[in-house]
């Protein structure tokens, strides 16, 4: 079967606001800990949730505008929920049910959401692990990840 991927590029002399990628992944960061996070064996709904602030992911001054998200997990993913906003009032930024690794894409917002240094960011991933082994973070599709590419304008 031939690959039917196409790419359309457009070049501009300048842009009004550059987009930067913010890539928080505490599931990956847990590998540095004495007991890394893992998906327990035999769990049909193994969940992992992490919470950070805008400062934790590199928002340095003021705020940035979040213009798109691209959720990412691998083949065992079931659902992913991403929320952000003031810590006491997090709002949904993306919510995917029935995850399928093969249809992941960027979701551009009609209206940007401000992400400040003090905003809370919460990601919750749920997977199915029918195996008899712990599953940790990894780059292979039999491993797992729990993050979203965040597209922000400065």
Protein backbone atom coordinates (compact mmCIF):
# COMPACT_ATOMS: atom_id res chain seq x y z
CA UNK A 1 0.00 0.00 0.00
CA UNK A 2 1.38 3.38 -0.98
CA UNK A 3 1.57 6.25 1.49
CA UNK A 4 -0.89 8.96 0.46
CA UNK A 5 0.44 11.64 2.82
CA UNK A 6 0.58 15.13 1.34
CA UNK A 7 2.19 18.25 2.73
CA UNK A 8 1.19 21.81 1.86
CA UNK A 9 3.64 24.56 2.79
CA UNK A 10 3.16 28.27 2.62
CA UNK A 11 6.00 30.71 3.20
CA UNK A 12 5.55 34.21 4.55
CA UNK A 13 7.96 37.12 4.73
CA UNK A 14 7.05 37.58 8.38
CA UNK A 15 4.53 36.44 11.00
CA UNK A 16 2.72 38.56 13.55
CA UNK A 17 3.16 36.04 16.36
CA UNK A 18 5.41 33.00 16.36
CA UNK A 19 4.05 29.71 17.71
CA UNK A 20 6.09 27.83 20.29
CA UNK A 21 5.63 24.26 21.40
CA UNK A 22 5.27 23.55 25.10
CA UNK A 23 5.63 19.89 25.92
CA UNK A 24 4.95 18.93 29.54
CA UNK A 25 5.24 15.19 30.25
CA UNK A 26 5.40 14.27 33.96
CA UNK A 27 4.83 10.60 33.01
CA UNK A 28 8.24 10.77 31.26
CA UNK A 29 9.75 12.84 34.07
CA UNK A 30 8.79 10.11 36.57
CA UNK A 31 11.53 7.91 35.05
CA UNK A 32 14.03 10.03 37.05
CA UNK A 33 12.34 9.07 40.32
CA UNK A 34 13.24 5.99 42.40
CA UNK A 35 9.79 4.55 41.58
CA UNK A 36 8.70 5.65 38.07
CA UNK A 37 5.01 5.85 37.23
CA UNK A 38 3.63 2.78 35.49
CA UNK A 39 0.41 1.19 34.29
CA UNK A 40 -0.37 -1.78 36.53
CA UNK A 41 -0.87 -5.17 34.85
CA UNK A 42 -4.36 -6.49 34.22
CA UNK A 43 -6.04 -3.08 34.50
CA UNK A 44 -8.77 -2.20 32.00
CA UNK A 45 -8.89 1.43 33.21
CA UNK A 46 -5.38 2.34 34.40
CA UNK A 47 -5.34 6.11 34.96
CA UNK A 48 -2.53 8.60 35.45
CA UNK A 49 -3.14 12.27 36.23
CA UNK A 50 -0.62 15.06 36.51
CA UNK A 51 -0.98 18.72 37.46
CA UNK A 52 1.47 21.56 36.77
CA UNK A 53 1.37 25.35 36.46
CA UNK A 54 2.19 27.57 33.51
CA UNK A 55 5.48 28.41 35.23
CA UNK A 56 6.32 24.69 35.50
CA UNK A 57 6.10 24.28 31.72
CA UNK A 58 8.07 27.40 30.80
CA UNK A 59 5.65 30.33 30.68
CA UNK A 60 8.19 32.94 31.75
CA UNK A 61 6.41 36.29 31.95
CA UNK A 62 2.82 37.41 31.71
CA UNK A 63 0.89 34.90 29.66
CA UNK A 64 0.79 33.12 26.33
CA UNK A 65 -2.19 32.34 24.13
CA UNK A 66 -2.89 28.63 23.75
CA UNK A 67 -4.07 28.28 20.14
CA UNK A 68 -4.02 24.49 19.67
CA UNK A 69 -3.44 21.16 21.38
CA UNK A 70 -2.36 17.80 20.02
CA UNK A 71 -3.06 15.04 22.55
CA UNK A 72 -0.66 12.11 22.45
CA UNK A 73 -0.71 8.57 23.80
CA UNK A 74 0.15 5.24 22.21
CA UNK A 75 -1.81 2.09 21.36
CA UNK A 76 -3.25 1.26 24.78
CA UNK A 77 -4.88 4.67 25.26
CA UNK A 78 -8.61 4.86 25.99
CA UNK A 79 -9.20 8.52 26.84
CA UNK A 80 -7.39 11.75 27.61
CA UNK A 81 -8.71 14.89 29.31
CA UNK A 82 -6.73 18.13 29.38
CA UNK A 83 -7.87 21.07 31.56
CA UNK A 84 -6.39 24.47 32.29
CA UNK A 85 -7.17 27.76 33.97
CA UNK A 86 -7.14 29.18 37.46
CA UNK A 87 -6.42 26.34 39.90
CA UNK A 88 -9.87 26.60 41.46
CA UNK A 89 -11.70 26.70 38.11
CA UNK A 90 -10.05 24.45 35.51
CA UNK A 91 -11.85 24.35 32.15
CA UNK A 92 -11.72 21.63 29.51
CA UNK A 93 -9.17 22.34 26.73
CA UNK A 94 -9.50 18.91 25.09
CA UNK A 95 -11.35 15.68 25.86
CA UNK A 96 -10.91 12.58 23.73
CA UNK A 97 -12.83 9.36 24.25
CA UNK A 98 -12.17 6.13 22.34
CA UNK A 99 -8.54 7.08 21.68
CA UNK A 100 -7.03 5.76 18.47
CA UNK A 101 -3.30 6.25 17.92
CA UNK A 102 -3.85 6.42 14.16
CA UNK A 103 -6.16 9.44 14.16
CA UNK A 104 -4.30 11.82 16.45
CA UNK A 105 -4.20 15.35 15.14
CA UNK A 106 -3.91 19.00 16.18
CA UNK A 107 -7.03 20.71 17.44
CA UNK A 108 -6.93 24.46 16.75
CA UNK A 109 -9.14 26.61 18.93
CA UNK A 110 -11.51 29.17 17.44
CA UNK A 111 -10.60 31.44 20.34
CA UNK A 112 -7.22 31.29 22.07
CA UNK A 113 -7.10 30.62 25.80
CA UNK A 114 -4.65 32.54 27.97
CA UNK A 115 -2.14 30.45 29.86
CA UNK A 116 -0.42 32.40 32.62
CA UNK A 117 2.42 31.41 34.94
CA UNK A 118 -0.10 30.71 37.71
CA UNK A 119 -2.70 28.83 35.64
CA UNK A 120 -3.19 25.21 36.53
CA UNK A 121 -2.74 22.51 33.90
CA UNK A 122 -4.15 19.03 34.47
CA UNK A 123 -3.81 16.04 32.16
CA UNK A 124 -5.52 12.74 32.81
CA UNK A 125 -4.79 9.70 30.64
CA UNK A 126 -6.51 6.32 30.86
CA UNK A 127 -5.23 3.14 29.28
CA UNK A 128 -6.07 -0.53 28.98
CA UNK A 129 -3.24 -2.81 30.15
CA UNK A 130 -4.39 -6.42 29.74
CA UNK A 131 -0.78 -7.68 29.95
CA UNK A 132 0.88 -9.27 32.96
CA UNK A 133 3.59 -6.56 33.03
CA UNK A 134 3.94 -3.01 34.27
CA UNK A 135 4.04 -0.56 31.37
CA UNK A 136 6.17 2.56 31.71
CA UNK A 137 6.87 5.57 29.55
CA UNK A 138 8.60 4.78 26.28
CA UNK A 139 8.92 5.74 22.64
CA UNK A 140 7.73 2.41 21.26
CA UNK A 141 4.05 1.92 20.51
CA UNK A 142 3.94 -0.91 23.08
CA UNK A 143 5.10 1.64 25.70
CA UNK A 144 2.99 4.64 26.70
CA UNK A 145 2.99 8.42 26.96
CA UNK A 146 0.66 10.98 28.54
CA UNK A 147 1.00 14.49 27.16
CA UNK A 148 -0.25 17.00 24.63
CA UNK A 149 1.76 19.21 22.34
CA UNK A 150 0.67 22.71 23.31
CA UNK A 151 0.83 25.37 20.59
CA UNK A 152 1.20 28.80 22.15
CA UNK A 153 1.83 32.27 20.76
CA UNK A 154 4.08 34.59 22.71
